[in-house]
Protein backbone atom coordinates (compact mmCIF):
# COMPACT_ATOMS: atom_id res chain seq x y z
CA MET A 1 16.01 -23.94 -1.92
CA SER A 2 12.91 -21.87 -1.44
CA THR A 3 9.97 -21.93 -3.83
CA THR A 4 8.34 -18.70 -2.64
CA PRO A 5 8.14 -16.10 -5.38
CA LEU A 6 10.91 -13.51 -4.95
CA TYR A 7 11.32 -10.24 -6.62
CA GLY A 8 14.61 -8.41 -7.24
CA GLY A 9 15.62 -4.92 -7.07
CA ILE A 10 18.92 -3.00 -8.03
CA GLU A 11 19.65 0.59 -7.12
CA ALA A 12 22.44 1.16 -9.69
CA GLY A 13 24.55 4.09 -8.55
CA GLY A 14 27.85 5.52 -10.05
CA THR A 15 29.75 4.10 -7.00
CA LYS A 16 27.87 1.19 -5.95
CA TRP A 17 25.00 -1.12 -6.99
CA ILE A 18 22.63 -2.00 -4.09
CA CYS A 19 20.70 -5.17 -4.78
CA ALA A 20 17.83 -6.52 -2.81
CA VAL A 21 15.44 -9.47 -2.75
CA ALA A 22 11.79 -9.20 -1.53
CA ASP A 23 8.98 -11.41 -1.00
CA ALA A 24 5.53 -10.78 -2.37
CA HIS A 25 4.57 -8.37 0.14
CA GLY A 26 7.68 -6.24 -0.48
CA HIS A 27 9.50 -7.27 2.64
CA VAL A 28 13.32 -7.33 1.95
CA VAL A 29 14.72 -10.73 2.79
CA ALA A 30 18.35 -10.22 1.51
CA THR A 31 20.61 -7.35 0.40
CA GLY A 32 24.16 -6.98 -1.16
CA VAL A 33 26.37 -4.26 -2.39
CA ILE A 34 28.50 -4.51 -5.60
CA PRO A 35 31.11 -1.73 -6.21
CA THR A 36 30.40 0.09 -9.66
CA THR A 37 33.44 -0.81 -11.62
CA THR A 38 33.29 -1.83 -15.22
CA PRO A 39 29.90 -2.69 -16.64
CA GLN A 40 30.97 -6.40 -17.12
CA GLU A 41 32.27 -6.75 -13.62
CA THR A 42 29.37 -4.94 -12.09
CA ILE A 43 26.55 -6.73 -13.95
CA ALA A 44 28.43 -10.10 -13.22
CA GLY A 45 28.41 -9.41 -9.60
CA ALA A 46 24.80 -8.68 -9.45
CA VAL A 47 23.90 -11.68 -11.35
CA ARG A 48 25.89 -13.84 -8.85
CA PHE A 49 23.99 -12.32 -5.95
CA PHE A 50 20.65 -12.85 -7.55
CA GLN A 51 21.49 -16.51 -8.60
CA ASP A 52 21.97 -17.19 -4.85
CA HIS A 53 18.42 -16.22 -4.27
CA ARG A 54 16.34 -18.14 -6.58
CA PRO A 55 13.55 -18.54 -7.71
CA LEU A 56 13.63 -14.94 -8.89
CA THR A 57 10.36 -13.91 -10.64
CA THR A 58 11.14 -10.36 -11.79
CA LEU A 59 13.88 -7.85 -11.52
CA GLY A 60 13.68 -3.97 -11.31
CA VAL A 61 16.48 -1.60 -11.93
CA GLY A 62 16.68 2.21 -10.90
CA THR A 63 19.92 3.36 -12.63
CA PHE A 64 22.04 6.49 -12.97
CA GLY A 65 21.59 8.07 -16.29
CA PRO A 66 20.89 9.27 -18.78
CA VAL A 67 19.26 6.05 -19.70
CA ASP A 68 17.18 4.97 -22.80
CA LEU A 69 13.60 4.06 -21.56
CA ARG A 70 11.99 3.89 -24.87
CA THR A 71 11.03 0.12 -25.29
CA SER A 72 10.81 0.41 -29.03
CA SER A 73 14.27 1.78 -29.34
CA PRO A 74 17.24 -0.40 -30.36
CA THR A 75 19.26 0.99 -27.52
CA TYR A 76 16.37 0.42 -24.85
CA GLY A 77 18.06 -0.36 -21.47
CA HIS A 78 21.41 1.30 -22.45
CA ILE A 79 23.12 4.13 -20.46
CA MET A 80 23.54 6.97 -22.74
CA ALA A 81 26.19 9.67 -22.81
CA THR A 82 27.32 9.65 -19.12
CA PRO A 83 30.59 11.00 -17.93
CA LYS A 84 31.06 7.84 -15.80
CA PRO A 85 34.12 6.23 -17.32
CA GLY A 86 33.35 3.03 -19.16
CA TRP A 87 29.63 3.16 -18.97
CA ALA A 88 28.54 5.34 -21.98
CA TYR A 89 26.26 3.21 -24.02
CA ALA A 90 26.58 0.19 -21.91
CA ASP A 91 23.65 -2.31 -21.95
CA VAL A 92 22.17 -2.83 -18.57
CA VAL A 93 18.79 -4.68 -19.34
CA SER A 94 19.77 -7.41 -21.82
CA PRO A 95 22.56 -8.96 -19.85
CA LEU A 96 20.75 -9.04 -16.64
CA GLY A 97 17.65 -10.42 -18.25
CA ALA A 98 19.48 -12.97 -20.20
CA ALA A 99 21.42 -14.24 -17.25
CA LEU A 100 18.67 -14.40 -14.70
CA ARG A 101 15.87 -15.35 -17.28
CA VAL A 102 13.52 -12.95 -15.73
CA PRO A 103 11.63 -9.88 -17.05
CA VAL A 104 13.38 -6.77 -16.10
CA GLY A 105 11.70 -3.33 -15.19
CA LEU A 106 13.82 -0.36 -15.79
CA ASP A 107 13.86 3.43 -15.01
CA THR A 108 16.02 6.03 -13.61
CA ASP A 109 17.29 5.92 -10.06
CA VAL A 110 15.47 9.12 -9.07
CA ASN A 111 12.14 7.78 -10.67
CA ALA A 112 12.63 4.55 -8.70
CA ALA A 113 13.05 6.60 -5.53
CA ALA A 114 9.90 8.55 -6.50
CA LEU A 115 8.04 5.36 -6.92
CA GLY A 116 9.18 3.86 -3.49
CA GLU A 117 8.12 7.07 -1.83
CA TRP A 118 4.78 7.16 -3.57
CA ARG A 119 4.14 3.54 -2.83
CA HIS A 120 5.45 3.17 0.76
CA GLY A 121 6.77 6.45 2.03
CA ALA A 122 6.17 10.23 2.10
CA GLY A 123 3.96 10.31 -0.99
CA ARG A 124 1.61 7.54 0.02
CA GLY A 125 -1.96 8.43 -0.45
CA ARG A 126 -1.23 11.16 -2.91
CA LYS A 127 -2.12 11.07 -6.52
CA THR A 128 0.84 13.19 -7.69
CA ILE A 129 4.25 13.64 -6.19
CA ALA A 130 7.57 14.97 -7.27
CA TYR A 131 10.92 13.62 -5.87
CA LEU A 132 13.80 15.93 -6.15
CA THR A 133 17.28 14.46 -5.28
CA VAL A 134 19.91 17.03 -4.55
CA GLY A 135 23.44 15.45 -4.17
CA THR A 136 26.55 15.26 -6.59
CA GLY A 137 23.97 16.21 -9.31
CA ILE A 138 20.28 17.08 -9.27
CA GLY A 139 17.51 14.84 -10.55
CA LEU A 140 13.75 14.65 -10.56
CA GLY A 141 11.36 11.70 -10.46
CA ALA A 142 7.61 12.16 -10.67
CA VAL A 143 4.50 9.93 -10.18
CA ALA A 144 1.14 11.04 -11.58
CA ASN A 145 -1.85 8.71 -11.00
CA GLY A 146 0.44 5.87 -10.43
CA ARG A 147 2.43 6.28 -13.64
CA LEU A 148 5.99 7.49 -13.65
CA LEU A 149 6.75 10.51 -15.70
CA HIS A 150 8.38 9.94 -19.14
CA GLY A 151 8.37 11.88 -22.42
CA LEU A 152 11.11 12.39 -24.94
CA LEU A 153 13.46 10.53 -22.52
CA HIS A 154 13.00 11.13 -18.70
CA PRO A 155 12.88 14.13 -16.71
CA GLU A 156 16.12 16.35 -16.54
CA PHE A 157 15.05 18.86 -14.09
CA GLY A 158 18.59 19.37 -13.01
CA HIS A 159 19.12 21.42 -16.09
CA ILE A 160 16.46 23.97 -15.82
CA ARG A 161 17.39 27.56 -15.76
CA ILE A 162 16.81 29.51 -12.52
CA PRO A 163 17.69 33.31 -11.59
CA HIS A 164 21.26 33.71 -11.06
CA ASP A 165 22.27 36.98 -9.44
CA ARG A 166 26.07 37.29 -10.41
CA THR A 167 26.45 40.22 -7.82
CA ARG A 168 25.37 37.93 -5.07
CA ASP A 169 26.95 34.70 -6.39
CA ALA A 170 29.93 35.19 -8.98
CA PHE A 171 30.27 31.40 -9.41
CA ALA A 172 29.92 30.54 -13.08
CA GLY A 173 28.37 27.37 -12.38
CA SER A 174 29.65 23.59 -12.60
CA CYS A 175 27.50 22.08 -15.29
CA PRO A 176 29.69 21.21 -18.38
CA PHE A 177 26.64 21.75 -20.72
CA HIS A 178 25.00 24.70 -19.25
CA GLY A 179 27.12 26.43 -16.63
CA ASP A 180 24.65 27.91 -14.28
CA CYS A 181 21.64 25.66 -14.64
CA LEU A 182 20.08 24.35 -11.36
CA GLU A 183 22.57 21.50 -10.94
CA GLY A 184 25.38 23.88 -12.07
CA LEU A 185 24.52 26.21 -9.13
CA ALA A 186 22.94 24.05 -6.40
CA SER A 187 24.34 20.49 -6.53
CA GLY A 188 26.90 19.05 -4.09
CA GLU A 189 29.55 19.38 -6.93
CA ALA A 190 28.79 23.02 -7.41
CA MET A 191 28.85 23.77 -3.69
CA ARG A 192 32.32 21.89 -3.49
CA ARG A 193 33.74 23.87 -6.42
CA ARG A 194 32.16 27.33 -5.11
CA TRP A 195 33.22 27.07 -1.51
CA GLY A 196 36.10 24.71 -1.53
CA GLN A 197 34.79 22.10 0.50
CA ARG A 198 32.23 19.38 0.47
CA ALA A 199 28.64 20.19 1.45
CA GLU A 200 28.64 18.00 4.56
CA ASN A 201 31.65 19.81 5.91
CA LEU A 202 30.25 23.21 5.04
CA ASP A 203 28.94 25.36 7.93
CA ASP A 204 28.84 28.80 6.50
CA PRO A 205 25.52 30.16 6.85
CA MET A 206 25.71 32.38 3.70
CA ALA A 207 26.43 29.06 1.82
CA TRP A 208 23.22 27.45 2.95
CA GLU A 209 21.10 30.63 2.47
CA LEU A 210 22.21 30.67 -1.20
CA GLU A 211 21.50 27.01 -1.52
CA ALA A 212 18.03 27.40 -0.01
CA GLU A 213 17.47 30.21 -2.48
CA TYR A 214 18.26 28.07 -5.61
CA LEU A 215 16.17 25.14 -4.32
CA ALA A 216 13.20 27.38 -3.51
CA HIS A 217 13.15 28.45 -7.12
CA ALA A 218 13.20 24.74 -8.10
CA VAL A 219 10.36 24.06 -5.76
CA MET A 220 8.28 27.02 -7.25
CA ASN A 221 9.11 25.75 -10.89
CA LEU A 222 7.94 22.39 -9.92
CA THR A 223 4.86 23.63 -8.42
CA TYR A 224 3.75 25.73 -11.31
CA ALA A 225 4.89 23.13 -13.98
CA LEU A 226 3.63 19.77 -12.44
CA SER A 227 1.32 20.96 -9.73
CA PRO A 228 2.31 17.87 -7.45
CA GLU A 229 0.56 17.33 -4.30
CA ARG A 230 3.70 16.89 -2.46
CA ILE A 231 7.39 17.56 -3.13
CA ILE A 232 9.92 15.32 -1.52
CA ILE A 233 13.55 16.38 -1.35
CA GLY A 234 16.14 13.93 -0.80
CA GLY A 235 19.84 13.36 -1.45
CA GLY A 236 22.92 14.02 0.57
CA VAL A 237 22.89 17.82 0.24
CA ALA A 238 19.18 17.94 1.46
CA LYS A 239 20.26 16.19 4.74
CA HIS A 240 21.76 19.59 5.94
CA ALA A 241 19.95 20.56 9.32
CA GLY A 242 17.65 23.47 8.52
CA LEU A 243 17.97 23.56 4.86
CA LEU A 244 14.41 22.36 4.08
CA ALA A 245 12.86 24.89 6.57
CA GLN A 246 14.88 27.64 4.73
CA VAL A 247 13.61 26.30 1.48
CA ARG A 248 9.94 26.30 2.52
CA ALA A 249 10.16 29.75 3.85
CA ARG A 250 11.75 31.31 0.75
CA ALA A 251 9.42 29.33 -1.54
CA PHE A 252 6.53 30.65 0.30
CA ASP A 253 7.70 34.19 -0.27
CA LEU A 254 8.35 33.51 -3.80
CA ALA A 255 4.83 32.24 -4.36
CA ALA A 256 3.39 35.51 -3.11
CA GLY A 257 0.09 33.83 -2.45
CA TYR A 258 -0.40 32.72 -5.93
CA PRO A 259 -2.29 30.52 -6.61
CA ALA A 260 -4.60 30.61 -3.66
CA THR A 261 -4.09 27.09 -2.55
CA SER A 262 -3.44 26.32 1.04
CA VAL A 263 0.20 25.41 0.69
CA LEU A 264 1.05 28.70 -0.88
CA THR A 265 -1.13 30.82 1.34
CA ASP A 266 -0.53 29.18 4.71
CA ARG A 267 3.13 28.88 5.93
CA SER A 268 2.26 25.99 8.24
CA ALA A 269 0.71 23.98 5.32
CA MET A 270 4.06 24.40 3.35
CA ASP A 271 5.77 22.24 6.08
CA ALA A 272 3.67 19.27 4.76
CA TYR A 273 4.14 20.11 1.08
CA VAL A 274 7.96 20.18 0.98
CA VAL A 275 9.18 17.23 2.96
CA SER A 276 12.07 14.86 3.48
CA PRO A 277 11.90 11.14 2.20
CA SER A 278 10.37 8.99 4.96
CA LEU A 279 12.22 5.91 3.74
CA GLY A 280 15.53 7.74 4.09
CA ASP A 281 18.21 5.96 2.09
CA ARG A 282 15.77 3.06 1.21
CA SER A 283 13.73 5.14 -1.34
CA GLY A 284 15.60 4.01 -4.37
CA ILE A 285 15.87 0.18 -3.61
CA THR A 286 12.34 0.16 -2.48
CA GLY A 287 11.27 1.62 -5.68
CA ALA A 288 13.53 -0.57 -7.87
CA ILE A 289 11.64 -3.61 -6.17
CA GLU A 290 8.37 -2.08 -7.05
CA LEU A 291 9.61 -1.68 -10.65
CA GLY A 292 10.22 -5.34 -10.79
CA MET A 293 6.92 -6.27 -9.17
CA ARG A 294 5.15 -4.07 -11.93
CA CYS A 295 6.56 -6.16 -14.75
CA ARG A 296 5.66 -9.51 -13.22
CA PRO A 297 4.36 -11.76 -15.87
């Protein structure tokens, strides 16, 4: 059995948990996938994976949410009111820490992705970045001066309100809480309900023009509220060919040259401001490992 310090990471998604072990340099040496079934079965599967790769020094978890990140809270480390069957108020941190006997670093899956891209990917070298994931839902992670953004809970950017022209788009929205918030209008689930098919199968130019409109408003809200040096847009919907180019073009027009910074006054600079994740699908697990390394004793 190796005595080299190893660091674990979990990207805890709604359909699967991706588990990985990395060395002290962040190089991944082992990976595994655990189906997301019940909390008990899923956590037990993750524990078995990491027990085969001892000695584990720490573990980082980036999980779907909402999740309680307040370390002083009696429900710290619990998934909160999620629609995922069986997972509402499930404790994630305590059983992992107790079984593996290691410190556990925790954050949202999208904050983990933001950290991964800031540390090793498209955000490297920037002080402040925002990571917007556009998939089944919409979420935001942000890093400012090396610190992940937290507040009352964690960012819930998918639920901001954006302009909704009901003449152009009569769809009422898919969000069970707000109807036509950003997630209710621009998520993969919203696209499926509006157009009758999944985003990856959708070729209608009008559908993608509308999607770009909504995401461009999201980009401008992010720009004016957080002033990040780079906005990274990931997730399955964002992989559609040409979508980010449309988002950049529309966001530039919406900015109308204000404020007079290069990315809002030079169309070519916008290409380097709104980008895809350079780590691809590895953003989340890379960030989860980094979360673990940050809580090393």
